[in-house]
Amino acid sequence: MNVYYCLYIVSVTVASISQLLLKKSAMKKHASWLREYVNPYVAGGYVLLFLSMFLTILAFRGMDYKNGPVIESLGYVLVLFFSRIFFGERITRKKALGTVCILAGIFVFYI
């Protein structure tokens, strides 16, 4: 695995963390509609999304484009586990089955 693949995995992880920040903001009650969109969680989430985009562009300089969607699908798995850790969300059978399907698809793609 070369450095570009690792960079793309970092990019997916950063994007997953940004989704958690945006969800954290959405779960809070805000004083006004403006505060819903202008607060540290939203700002941080969008900064991380921009960083993720930048890292993705750098990663695609040295890797095949066909691998992008496969690695990007890891984001769904990361969000599932991060939501469990940080929000205490339950991992239902459907979520677990979906995650297994994603991981199986990645495995089959790289065989």
PDB file of N, CA and C in Angstrom:
ATOM      1  N   MET A   1       0.865  -1.179   0.000  1.00  0.00           N
ATOM      2  CA  MET A   1       0.000   0.000   0.000  1.00  0.00           C
ATOM      3  C   MET A   1       0.904   1.233   0.000  1.00  0.00           C
ATOM      4  N   ASN A   2       0.687   2.101  -0.965  1.00  0.00           N
ATOM      5  CA  ASN A   2       1.540   3.279  -1.019  1.00  0.00           C
ATOM      6  C   ASN A   2       0.940   4.436  -0.225  1.00  0.00           C
ATOM      7  N   VAL A   3       1.697   5.516  -0.163  1.00  0.00           N
ATOM      8  CA  VAL A   3       1.325   6.652   0.668  1.00  0.00           C
ATOM      9  C   VAL A   3       0.025   7.304   0.187  1.00  0.00           C
ATOM     10  N   TYR A   4      -0.285   7.225  -1.101  1.00  0.00           N
ATOM     11  CA  TYR A   4      -1.495   7.852  -1.627  1.00  0.00           C
ATOM     12  C   TYR A   4      -2.757   7.146  -1.129  1.00  0.00           C
ATOM     13  N   TYR A   5      -2.693   5.838  -1.002  1.00  0.00           N
ATOM     14  CA  TYR A   5      -3.838   5.103  -0.463  1.00  0.00           C
ATOM     15  C   TYR A   5      -4.040   5.451   1.014  1.00  0.00           C
ATOM     16  N   CYS A   6      -2.940   5.553   1.745  1.00  0.00           N
ATOM     17  CA  CYS A   6      -3.040   5.940   3.157  1.00  0.00           C
ATOM     18  C   CYS A   6      -3.605   7.352   3.289  1.00  0.00           C
ATOM     19  N   LEU A   7      -3.177   8.236   2.397  1.00  0.00           N
ATOM     20  CA  LEU A   7      -3.689   9.601   2.402  1.00  0.00           C
ATOM     21  C   LEU A   7      -5.191   9.626   2.152  1.00  0.00           C
ATOM     22  N   TYR A   8      -5.649   8.771   1.251  1.00  0.00           N
ATOM     23  CA  TYR A   8      -7.084   8.728   0.960  1.00  0.00           C
ATOM     24  C   TYR A   8      -7.874   8.147   2.137  1.00  0.00           C
ATOM     25  N   ILE A   9      -7.315   7.182   2.815  1.00  0.00           N
ATOM     26  CA  ILE A   9      -7.975   6.634   4.005  1.00  0.00           C
ATOM     27  C   ILE A   9      -8.065   7.702   5.095  1.00  0.00           C
ATOM     28  N   VAL A  10      -7.023   8.508   5.242  1.00  0.00           N
ATOM     29  CA  VAL A  10      -7.063   9.627   6.191  1.00  0.00           C
ATOM     30  C   VAL A  10      -8.152  10.618   5.774  1.00  0.00           C
ATOM     31  N   SER A  11      -8.257  10.871   4.482  1.00  0.00           N
ATOM     32  CA  SER A  11      -9.287  11.773   3.971  1.00  0.00           C
ATOM     33  C   SER A  11     -10.688  11.277   4.314  1.00  0.00           C
ATOM     34  N   VAL A  12     -10.923   9.995   4.135  1.00  0.00           N
ATOM     35  CA  VAL A  12     -12.227   9.404   4.464  1.00  0.00           C
ATOM     36  C   VAL A  12     -12.497   9.517   5.966  1.00  0.00           C
ATOM     37  N   THR A  13     -11.475   9.306   6.772  1.00  0.00           N
ATOM     38  CA  THR A  13     -11.628   9.421   8.229  1.00  0.00           C
ATOM     39  C   THR A  13     -11.964  10.856   8.628  1.00  0.00           C
ATOM     40  N   VAL A  14     -11.285  11.823   8.028  1.00  0.00           N
ATOM     41  CA  VAL A  14     -11.563  13.235   8.314  1.00  0.00           C
ATOM     42  C   VAL A  14     -12.999  13.589   7.913  1.00  0.00           C
ATOM     43  N   ALA A  15     -13.447  13.105   6.766  1.00  0.00           N
ATOM     44  CA  ALA A  15     -14.823  13.366   6.325  1.00  0.00           C
ATOM     45  C   ALA A  15     -15.829  12.742   7.293  1.00  0.00           C
ATOM     46  N   SER A  16     -15.517  11.570   7.817  1.00  0.00           N
ATOM     47  CA  SER A  16     -16.411  10.918   8.777  1.00  0.00           C
ATOM     48  C   SER A  16     -16.502  11.720  10.071  1.00  0.00           C
ATOM     49  N   ILE A  17     -15.384  12.251  10.514  1.00  0.00           N
ATOM     50  CA  ILE A  17     -15.382  13.077  11.725  1.00  0.00           C
ATOM     51  C   ILE A  17     -16.180  14.351  11.492  1.00  0.00           C
ATOM     52  N   SER A  18     -16.071  14.918  10.289  1.00  0.00           N
ATOM     53  CA  SER A  18     -16.845  16.126   9.993  1.00  0.00           C
ATOM     54  C   SER A  18     -18.347  15.831  10.034  1.00  0.00           C
ATOM     55  N   GLN A  19     -18.746  14.660   9.577  1.00  0.00           N
ATOM     56  CA  GLN A  19     -20.160  14.284   9.647  1.00  0.00           C
ATOM     57  C   GLN A  19     -20.625  14.188  11.097  1.00  0.00           C
ATOM     58  N   LEU A  20     -19.753  13.709  11.971  1.00  0.00           N
ATOM     59  CA  LEU A  20     -20.112  13.643  13.391  1.00  0.00           C
ATOM     60  C   LEU A  20     -20.307  15.031  13.979  1.00  0.00           C
ATOM     61  N   LEU A  21     -19.440  15.972  13.604  1.00  0.00           N
ATOM     62  CA  LEU A  21     -19.588  17.335  14.104  1.00  0.00           C
ATOM     63  C   LEU A  21     -20.904  17.962  13.628  1.00  0.00           C
ATOM     64  N   LEU A  22     -21.236  17.736  12.366  1.00  0.00           N
ATOM     65  CA  LEU A  22     -22.490  18.280  11.837  1.00  0.00           C
ATOM     66  C   LEU A  22     -23.696  17.647  12.528  1.00  0.00           C
ATOM     67  N   LYS A  23     -23.601  16.352  12.818  1.00  0.00           N
ATOM     68  CA  LYS A  23     -24.704  15.677  13.519  1.00  0.00           C
ATOM     69  C   LYS A  23     -24.830  16.204  14.950  1.00  0.00           C
ATOM     70  N   LYS A  24     -23.688  16.438  15.596  1.00  0.00           N
ATOM     71  CA  LYS A  24     -23.696  16.969  16.955  1.00  0.00           C
ATOM     72  C   LYS A  24     -24.412  18.321  16.988  1.00  0.00           C
ATOM     73  N   SER A  25     -24.152  19.146  15.986  1.00  0.00           N
ATOM     74  CA  SER A  25     -24.823  20.433  15.912  1.00  0.00           C
ATOM     75  C   SER A  25     -26.319  20.264  15.668  1.00  0.00           C
ATOM     76  N   ALA A  26     -26.687  19.321  14.819  1.00  0.00           N
ATOM     77  CA  ALA A  26     -28.098  19.105  14.508  1.00  0.00           C
ATOM     78  C   ALA A  26     -28.872  18.576  15.708  1.00  0.00           C
ATOM     79  N   MET A  27     -28.202  17.919  16.625  1.00  0.00           N
ATOM     80  CA  MET A  27     -28.866  17.347  17.792  1.00  0.00           C
ATOM     81  C   MET A  27     -29.124  18.382  18.889  1.00  0.00           C
ATOM     82  N   LYS A  28     -28.470  19.527  18.808  1.00  0.00           N
ATOM     83  CA  LYS A  28     -28.616  20.554  19.832  1.00  0.00           C
ATOM     84  C   LYS A  28     -29.777  21.491  19.521  1.00  0.00           C
ATOM     85  N   LYS A  29     -30.347  22.042  20.556  1.00  0.00           N
ATOM     86  CA  LYS A  29     -31.371  23.078  20.422  1.00  0.00           C
ATOM     87  C   LYS A  29     -30.649  24.417  20.376  1.00  0.00           C
ATOM     88  N   HIS A  30     -30.933  25.212  19.354  1.00  0.00           N
ATOM     89  CA  HIS A  30     -30.247  26.488  19.168  1.00  0.00           C
ATOM     90  C   HIS A  30     -31.193  27.643  19.476  1.00  0.00           C
ATOM     91  N   ALA A  31     -30.590  28.754  19.899  1.00  0.00           N
ATOM     92  CA  ALA A  31     -31.370  29.924  20.299  1.00  0.00           C
ATOM     93  C   ALA A  31     -32.074  30.582  19.107  1.00  0.00           C
ATOM     94  N   SER A  32     -31.486  30.504  17.938  1.00  0.00           N
ATOM     95  CA  SER A  32     -32.093  31.124  16.758  1.00  0.00           C
ATOM     96  C   SER A  32     -31.754  30.288  15.531  1.00  0.00           C
ATOM     97  N   TRP A  33     -32.450  30.584  14.425  1.00  0.00           N
ATOM     98  CA  TRP A  33     -32.181  29.827  13.203  1.00  0.00           C
ATOM     99  C   TRP A  33     -30.784  30.134  12.685  1.00  0.00           C
ATOM    100  N   LEU A  34     -30.271  31.339  12.955  1.00  0.00           N
ATOM    101  CA  LEU A  34     -28.924  31.698  12.522  1.00  0.00           C
ATOM    102  C   LEU A  34     -27.878  30.873  13.269  1.00  0.00           C
ATOM    103  N   ARG A  35     -28.118  30.661  14.562  1.00  0.00           N
ATOM    104  CA  ARG A  35     -27.201  29.864  15.372  1.00  0.00           C
ATOM    105  C   ARG A  35     -27.166  28.392  14.941  1.00  0.00           C
ATOM    106  N   GLU A  36     -28.221  27.938  14.286  1.00  0.00           N
ATOM    107  CA  GLU A  36     -28.215  26.570  13.769  1.00  0.00           C
ATOM    108  C   GLU A  36     -27.137  26.374  12.723  1.00  0.00           C
ATOM    109  N   TYR A  37     -26.860  27.421  11.965  1.00  0.00           N
ATOM    110  CA  TYR A  37     -25.924  27.327  10.852  1.00  0.00           C
ATOM    111  C   TYR A  37     -24.579  27.977  11.129  1.00  0.00           C
ATOM    112  N   VAL A  38     -24.541  28.860  12.115  1.00  0.00           N
ATOM    113  CA  VAL A  38     -23.296  29.539  12.463  1.00  0.00           C
ATOM    114  C   VAL A  38     -22.956  29.186  13.903  1.00  0.00           C
ATOM    115  N   ASN A  39     -22.226  28.111  14.065  1.00  0.00           N
ATOM    116  CA  ASN A  39     -21.751  27.692  15.376  1.00  0.00           C
ATOM    117  C   ASN A  39     -20.463  26.889  15.191  1.00  0.00           C
ATOM    118  N   PRO A  40     -19.724  26.656  16.258  1.00  0.00           N
ATOM    119  CA  PRO A  40     -18.425  25.978  16.116  1.00  0.00           C
ATOM    120  C   PRO A  40     -18.503  24.578  15.511  1.00  0.00           C
ATOM    121  N   TYR A  41     -19.542  23.831  15.804  1.00  0.00           N
ATOM    122  CA  TYR A  41     -19.656  22.484  15.245  1.00  0.00           C
ATOM    123  C   TYR A  41     -19.828  22.511  13.726  1.00  0.00           C
ATOM    124  N   VAL A  42     -20.686  23.388  13.254  1.00  0.00           N
ATOM    125  CA  VAL A  42     -20.909  23.500  11.804  1.00  0.00           C
ATOM    126  C   VAL A  42     -19.656  24.028  11.120  1.00  0.00           C
ATOM    127  N   ALA A  43     -19.059  25.066  11.687  1.00  0.00           N
ATOM    128  CA  ALA A  43     -17.844  25.625  11.096  1.00  0.00           C
ATOM    129  C   ALA A  43     -16.733  24.576  11.063  1.00  0.00           C
ATOM    130  N   GLY A  44     -16.550  23.873  12.170  1.00  0.00           N
ATOM    131  CA  GLY A  44     -15.530  22.820  12.212  1.00  0.00           C
ATOM    132  C   GLY A  44     -15.817  21.699  11.232  1.00  0.00           C
ATOM    133  N   GLY A  45     -17.084  21.336  11.117  1.00  0.00           N
ATOM    134  CA  GLY A  45     -17.459  20.283  10.181  1.00  0.00           C
ATOM    135  C   GLY A  45     -17.139  20.650   8.748  1.00  0.00           C
ATOM    136  N   TYR A  46     -17.437  21.893   8.373  1.00  0.00           N
ATOM    137  CA  TYR A  46     -17.160  22.313   7.002  1.00  0.00           C
ATOM    138  C   TYR A  46     -15.670  22.513   6.750  1.00  0.00           C
ATOM    139  N   VAL A  47     -14.930  22.944   7.763  1.00  0.00           N
ATOM    140  CA  VAL A  47     -13.471  23.043   7.613  1.00  0.00           C
ATOM    141  C   VAL A  47     -12.889  21.647   7.381  1.00  0.00           C
ATOM    142  N   LEU A  48     -13.367  20.671   8.127  1.00  0.00           N
ATOM    143  CA  LEU A  48     -12.870  19.303   7.950  1.00  0.00           C
ATOM    144  C   LEU A  48     -13.281  18.732   6.591  1.00  0.00           C
ATOM    145  N   LEU A  49     -14.472  19.071   6.115  1.00  0.00           N
ATOM    146  CA  LEU A  49     -14.873  18.633   4.777  1.00  0.00           C
ATOM    147  C   LEU A  49     -13.965  19.224   3.702  1.00  0.00           C
ATOM    148  N   PHE A  50     -13.605  20.485   3.862  1.00  0.00           N
ATOM    149  CA  PHE A  50     -12.681  21.111   2.918  1.00  0.00           C
ATOM    150  C   PHE A  50     -11.319  20.428   2.977  1.00  0.00           C
ATOM    151  N   LEU A  51     -10.840  20.150   4.184  1.00  0.00           N
ATOM    152  CA  LEU A  51      -9.567  19.437   4.335  1.00  0.00           C
ATOM    153  C   LEU A  51      -9.635  18.060   3.683  1.00  0.00           C
ATOM    154  N   SER A  52     -10.745  17.377   3.859  1.00  0.00           N
ATOM    155  CA  SER A  52     -10.938  16.065   3.255  1.00  0.00           C
ATOM    156  C   SER A  52     -10.889  16.148   1.733  1.00  0.00           C
ATOM    157  N   MET A  53     -11.525  17.170   1.183  1.00  0.00           N
ATOM    158  CA  MET A  53     -11.501  17.363  -0.270  1.00  0.00           C
ATOM    159  C   MET A  53     -10.074  17.584  -0.756  1.00  0.00           C
ATOM    160  N   PHE A  54      -9.333  18.395  -0.046  1.00  0.00           N
ATOM    161  CA  PHE A  54      -7.948  18.673  -0.411  1.00  0.00           C
ATOM    162  C   PHE A  54      -7.099  17.399  -0.348  1.00  0.00           C
ATOM    163  N   LEU A  55      -7.276  16.617   0.706  1.00  0.00           N
ATOM    164  CA  LEU A  55      -6.533  15.363   0.839  1.00  0.00           C
ATOM    165  C   LEU A  55      -6.908  14.364  -0.254  1.00  0.00           C
ATOM    166  N   THR A  56      -8.179  14.343  -0.632  1.00  0.00           N
ATOM    167  CA  THR A  56      -8.626  13.453  -1.702  1.00  0.00           C
ATOM    168  C   THR A  56      -7.968  13.826  -3.028  1.00  0.00           C
ATOM    169  N   ILE A  57      -7.897  15.113  -3.308  1.00  0.00           N
ATOM    170  CA  ILE A  57      -7.249  15.563  -4.536  1.00  0.00           C
ATOM    171  C   ILE A  57      -5.785  15.141  -4.544  1.00  0.00           C
ATOM    172  N   LEU A  58      -5.108  15.308  -3.413  1.00  0.00           N
ATOM    173  CA  LEU A  58      -3.709  14.883  -3.333  1.00  0.00           C
ATOM    174  C   LEU A  58      -3.577  13.378  -3.505  1.00  0.00           C
ATOM    175  N   ALA A  59      -4.478  12.635  -2.906  1.00  0.00           N
ATOM    176  CA  ALA A  59      -4.404  11.172  -2.970  1.00  0.00           C
ATOM    177  C   ALA A  59      -4.608  10.661  -4.392  1.00  0.00           C
ATOM    178  N   PHE A  60      -5.526  11.283  -5.128  1.00  0.00           N
ATOM    179  CA  PHE A  60      -5.800  10.822  -6.490  1.00  0.00           C
ATOM    180  C   PHE A  60      -4.656  11.099  -7.459  1.00  0.00           C
ATOM    181  N   ARG A  61      -3.680  11.877  -7.043  1.00  0.00           N
ATOM    182  CA  ARG A  61      -2.513  12.099  -7.887  1.00  0.00           C
ATOM    183  C   ARG A  61      -1.682  10.836  -8.068  1.00  0.00           C
ATOM    184  N   GLY A  62      -1.755   9.934  -7.087  1.00  0.00           N
ATOM    185  CA  GLY A  62      -0.886   8.772  -7.146  1.00  0.00           C
ATOM    186  C   GLY A  62      -1.593   7.436  -7.063  1.00  0.00           C
ATOM    187  N   MET A  63      -2.895   7.414  -7.245  1.00  0.00           N
ATOM    188  CA  MET A  63      -3.612   6.141  -7.179  1.00  0.00           C
ATOM    189  C   MET A  63      -4.584   6.037  -8.339  1.00  0.00           C
ATOM    190  N   ASP A  64      -5.014   4.831  -8.614  1.00  0.00           N
ATOM    191  CA  ASP A  64      -5.978   4.610  -9.687  1.00  0.00           C
ATOM    192  C   ASP A  64      -7.354   5.122  -9.261  1.00  0.00           C
ATOM    193  N   TYR A  65      -8.038   5.744 -10.198  1.00  0.00           N
ATOM    194  CA  TYR A  65      -9.370   6.278  -9.897  1.00  0.00           C
ATOM    195  C   TYR A  65     -10.371   5.180  -9.547  1.00  0.00           C
ATOM    196  N   LYS A  66     -10.168   3.987 -10.077  1.00  0.00           N
ATOM    197  CA  LYS A  66     -11.123   2.905  -9.821  1.00  0.00           C
ATOM    198  C   LYS A  66     -11.167   2.515  -8.347  1.00  0.00           C
ATOM    199  N   ASN A  67     -10.131   2.836  -7.591  1.00  0.00           N
ATOM    200  CA  ASN A  67     -10.097   2.491  -6.172  1.00  0.00           C
ATOM    201  C   ASN A  67     -10.804   3.514  -5.289  1.00  0.00           C
ATOM    202  N   GLY A  68     -11.095   4.677  -5.835  1.00  0.00           N
ATOM    203  CA  GLY A  68     -11.707   5.740  -5.041  1.00  0.00           C
ATOM    204  C   GLY A  68     -13.030   5.368  -4.402  1.00  0.00           C
ATOM    205  N   PRO A  69     -14.011   4.935  -5.179  1.00  0.00           N
ATOM    206  CA  PRO A  69     -15.304   4.597  -4.570  1.00  0.00           C
ATOM    207  C   PRO A  69     -15.226   3.455  -3.556  1.00  0.00           C
ATOM    208  N   VAL A  70     -14.300   2.558  -3.779  1.00  0.00           N
ATOM    209  CA  VAL A  70     -14.167   1.424  -2.859  1.00  0.00           C
ATOM    210  C   VAL A  70     -13.655   1.906  -1.504  1.00  0.00           C
ATOM    211  N   ILE A  71     -12.640   2.736  -1.534  1.00  0.00           N
ATOM    212  CA  ILE A  71     -12.097   3.257  -0.281  1.00  0.00           C
ATOM    213  C   ILE A  71     -13.088   4.233   0.362  1.00  0.00           C
ATOM    214  N   GLU A  72     -13.785   5.000  -0.441  1.00  0.00           N
ATOM    215  CA  GLU A  72     -14.774   5.957   0.076  1.00  0.00           C
ATOM    216  C   GLU A  72     -15.876   5.250   0.858  1.00  0.00           C
ATOM    217  N   SER A  73     -16.206   4.038   0.467  1.00  0.00           N
ATOM    218  CA  SER A  73     -17.273   3.307   1.171  1.00  0.00           C
ATOM    219  C   SER A  73     -16.878   2.965   2.603  1.00  0.00           C
ATOM    220  N   LEU A  74     -15.600   3.032   2.920  1.00  0.00           N
ATOM    221  CA  LEU A  74     -15.185   2.830   4.309  1.00  0.00           C
ATOM    222  C   LEU A  74     -15.756   3.910   5.228  1.00  0.00           C
ATOM    223  N   GLY A  75     -16.096   5.053   4.657  1.00  0.00           N
ATOM    224  CA  GLY A  75     -16.676   6.132   5.452  1.00  0.00           C
ATOM    225  C   GLY A  75     -17.964   5.714   6.138  1.00  0.00           C
ATOM    226  N   TYR A  76     -18.775   4.907   5.461  1.00  0.00           N
ATOM    227  CA  TYR A  76     -20.022   4.427   6.070  1.00  0.00           C
ATOM    228  C   TYR A  76     -19.732   3.568   7.302  1.00  0.00           C
ATOM    229  N   VAL A  77     -18.704   2.754   7.201  1.00  0.00           N
ATOM    230  CA  VAL A  77     -18.329   1.889   8.320  1.00  0.00           C
ATOM    231  C   VAL A  77     -17.795   2.736   9.473  1.00  0.00           C
ATOM    232  N   LEU A  78     -16.955   3.712   9.152  1.00  0.00           N
ATOM    233  CA  LEU A  78     -16.402   4.572  10.195  1.00  0.00           C
ATOM    234  C   LEU A  78     -17.488   5.367  10.910  1.00  0.00           C
ATOM    235  N   VAL A  79     -18.423   5.924  10.158  1.00  0.00           N
ATOM    236  CA  VAL A  79     -19.510   6.697  10.780  1.00  0.00           C
ATOM    237  C   VAL A  79     -20.332   5.810  11.706  1.00  0.00           C
ATOM    238  N   LEU A  80     -20.564   4.565  11.301  1.00  0.00           N
ATOM    239  CA  LEU A  80     -21.309   3.636  12.153  1.00  0.00           C
ATOM    240  C   LEU A  80     -20.599   3.450  13.496  1.00  0.00           C
ATOM    241  N   PHE A  81     -19.296   3.182  13.453  1.00  0.00           N
ATOM    242  CA  PHE A  81     -18.559   2.941  14.698  1.00  0.00           C
ATOM    243  C   PHE A  81     -18.353   4.226  15.506  1.00  0.00           C
ATOM    244  N   PHE A  82     -18.088   5.339  14.827  1.00  0.00           N
ATOM    245  CA  PHE A  82     -17.948   6.603  15.546  1.00  0.00           C
ATOM    246  C   PHE A  82     -19.257   6.996  16.221  1.00  0.00           C
ATOM    247  N   SER A  83     -20.383   6.763  15.567  1.00  0.00           N
ATOM    248  CA  SER A  83     -21.683   7.074  16.165  1.00  0.00           C
ATOM    249  C   SER A  83     -21.934   6.221  17.396  1.00  0.00           C
ATOM    250  N   ARG A  84     -21.497   4.985  17.340  1.00  0.00           N
ATOM    251  CA  ARG A  84     -21.634   4.097  18.500  1.00  0.00           C
ATOM    252  C   ARG A  84     -20.775   4.602  19.662  1.00  0.00           C
ATOM    253  N   ILE A  85     -19.556   4.998  19.358  1.00  0.00           N
ATOM    254  CA  ILE A  85     -18.620   5.429  20.398  1.00  0.00           C
ATOM    255  C   ILE A  85     -19.021   6.779  20.993  1.00  0.00           C
ATOM    256  N   PHE A  86     -19.312   7.772  20.134  1.00  0.00           N
ATOM    257  CA  PHE A  86     -19.516   9.137  20.611  1.00  0.00           C
ATOM    258  C   PHE A  86     -20.960   9.483  20.954  1.00  0.00           C
ATOM    259  N   PHE A  87     -21.920   8.828  20.301  1.00  0.00           N
ATOM    260  CA  PHE A  87     -23.325   9.135  20.552  1.00  0.00           C
ATOM    261  C   PHE A  87     -24.062   7.997  21.241  1.00  0.00           C
ATOM    262  N   GLY A  88     -23.422   6.867  21.375  1.00  0.00           N
ATOM    263  CA  GLY A  88     -24.061   5.727  22.016  1.00  0.00           C
ATOM    264  C   GLY A  88     -25.171   5.097  21.188  1.00  0.00           C
ATOM    265  N   GLU A  89     -25.138   5.317  19.884  1.00  0.00           N
ATOM    266  CA  GLU A  89     -26.173   4.740  19.020  1.00  0.00           C
ATOM    267  C   GLU A  89     -26.032   3.226  18.966  1.00  0.00           C
ATOM    268  N   ARG A  90     -27.171   2.573  18.891  1.00  0.00           N
ATOM    269  CA  ARG A  90     -27.170   1.120  18.806  1.00  0.00           C
ATOM    270  C   ARG A  90     -26.815   0.671  17.391  1.00  0.00           C
ATOM    271  N   ILE A  91     -26.094  -0.421  17.317  1.00  0.00           N
ATOM    272  CA  ILE A  91     -25.817  -1.041  16.030  1.00  0.00           C
ATOM    273  C   ILE A  91     -26.839  -2.159  15.857  1.00  0.00           C
ATOM    274  N   THR A  92     -27.835  -1.892  15.035  1.00  0.00           N
ATOM    275  CA  THR A  92     -28.910  -2.858  14.826  1.00  0.00           C
ATOM    276  C   THR A  92     -28.459  -3.950  13.857  1.00  0.00           C
ATOM    277  N   ARG A  93     -29.283  -4.959  13.724  1.00  0.00           N
ATOM    278  CA  ARG A  93     -28.961  -6.045  12.789  1.00  0.00           C
ATOM    279  C   ARG A  93     -28.864  -5.541  11.355  1.00  0.00           C
ATOM    280  N   LYS A  94     -29.773  -4.635  10.988  1.00  0.00           N
ATOM    281  CA  LYS A  94     -29.741  -4.088   9.624  1.00  0.00           C
ATOM    282  C   LYS A  94     -28.461  -3.300   9.375  1.00  0.00           C
ATOM    283  N   LYS A  95     -28.054  -2.504  10.359  1.00  0.00           N
ATOM    284  CA  LYS A  95     -26.813  -1.749  10.209  1.00  0.00           C
ATOM    285  C   LYS A  95     -25.618  -2.681  10.125  1.00  0.00           C
ATOM    286  N   ALA A  96     -25.610  -3.701  10.965  1.00  0.00           N
ATOM    287  CA  ALA A  96     -24.510  -4.667  10.950  1.00  0.00           C
ATOM    288  C   ALA A  96     -24.465  -5.422   9.623  1.00  0.00           C
ATOM    289  N   LEU A  97     -25.628  -5.822   9.125  1.00  0.00           N
ATOM    290  CA  LEU A  97     -25.686  -6.525   7.842  1.00  0.00           C
ATOM    291  C   LEU A  97     -25.216  -5.616   6.704  1.00  0.00           C
ATOM    292  N   GLY A  98     -25.621  -4.361   6.731  1.00  0.00           N
ATOM    293  CA  GLY A  98     -25.171  -3.404   5.719  1.00  0.00           C
ATOM    294  C   GLY A  98     -23.667  -3.218   5.755  1.00  0.00           C
ATOM    295  N   THR A  99     -23.112  -3.152   6.958  1.00  0.00           N
ATOM    296  CA  THR A  99     -21.669  -3.006   7.107  1.00  0.00           C
ATOM    297  C   THR A  99     -20.943  -4.238   6.594  1.00  0.00           C
ATOM    298  N   VAL A 100     -21.471  -5.401   6.885  1.00  0.00           N
ATOM    299  CA  VAL A 100     -20.871  -6.645   6.373  1.00  0.00           C
ATOM    300  C   VAL A 100     -20.908  -6.653   4.849  1.00  0.00           C
ATOM    301  N   CYS A 101     -22.010  -6.209   4.259  1.00  0.00           N
ATOM    302  CA  CYS A 101     -22.100  -6.146   2.790  1.00  0.00           C
ATOM    303  C   CYS A 101     -21.057  -5.189   2.217  1.00  0.00           C
ATOM    304  N   ILE A 102     -20.874  -4.041   2.853  1.00  0.00           N
ATOM    305  CA  ILE A 102     -19.872  -3.080   2.389  1.00  0.00           C
ATOM    306  C   ILE A 102     -18.480  -3.695   2.464  1.00  0.00           C
ATOM    307  N   LEU A 103     -18.159  -4.297   3.604  1.00  0.00           N
ATOM    308  CA  LEU A 103     -16.834  -4.895   3.766  1.00  0.00           C
ATOM    309  C   LEU A 103     -16.629  -6.077   2.820  1.00  0.00           C
ATOM    310  N   ALA A 104     -17.678  -6.845   2.586  1.00  0.00           N
ATOM    311  CA  ALA A 104     -17.577  -7.954   1.628  1.00  0.00           C
ATOM    312  C   ALA A 104     -17.335  -7.418   0.223  1.00  0.00           C
ATOM    313  N   GLY A 105     -18.001  -6.327  -0.129  1.00  0.00           N
ATOM    314  CA  GLY A 105     -17.790  -5.724  -1.439  1.00  0.00           C
ATOM    315  C   GLY A 105     -16.362  -5.232  -1.619  1.00  0.00           C
ATOM    316  N   ILE A 106     -15.809  -4.641  -0.583  1.00  0.00           N
ATOM    317  CA  ILE A 106     -14.417  -4.199  -0.634  1.00  0.00           C
ATOM    318  C   ILE A 106     -13.487  -5.391  -0.794  1.00  0.00           C
ATOM    319  N   PHE A 107     -13.766  -6.431  -0.022  1.00  0.00           N
ATOM    320  CA  PHE A 107     -12.939  -7.644  -0.085  1.00  0.00           C
ATOM    321  C   PHE A 107     -12.984  -8.266  -1.480  1.00  0.00           C
ATOM    322  N   VAL A 108     -14.172  -8.388  -2.041  1.00  0.00           N
ATOM    323  CA  VAL A 108     -14.329  -8.985  -3.367  1.00  0.00           C
ATOM    324  C   VAL A 108     -13.639  -8.131  -4.430  1.00  0.00           C
ATOM    325  N   PHE A 109     -13.736  -6.829  -4.316  1.00  0.00           N
ATOM    326  CA  PHE A 109     -13.115  -5.933  -5.275  1.00  0.00           C
ATOM    327  C   PHE A 109     -11.603  -6.112  -5.320  1.00  0.00           C
ATOM    328  N   TYR A 110     -11.000  -6.300  -4.160  1.00  0.00           N
ATOM    329  CA  TYR A 110      -9.542  -6.389  -4.104  1.00  0.00           C
ATOM    330  C   TYR A 110      -9.003  -7.806  -4.248  1.00  0.00           C
ATOM    331  N   ILE A 111      -9.865  -8.804  -4.426  1.00  0.00           N
ATOM    332  CA  ILE A 111      -9.357 -10.183  -4.640  1.00  0.00           C
ATOM    333  C   ILE A 111      -8.889 -10.356  -6.036  1.00  0.00           C
TER     334      ILE A 111
END
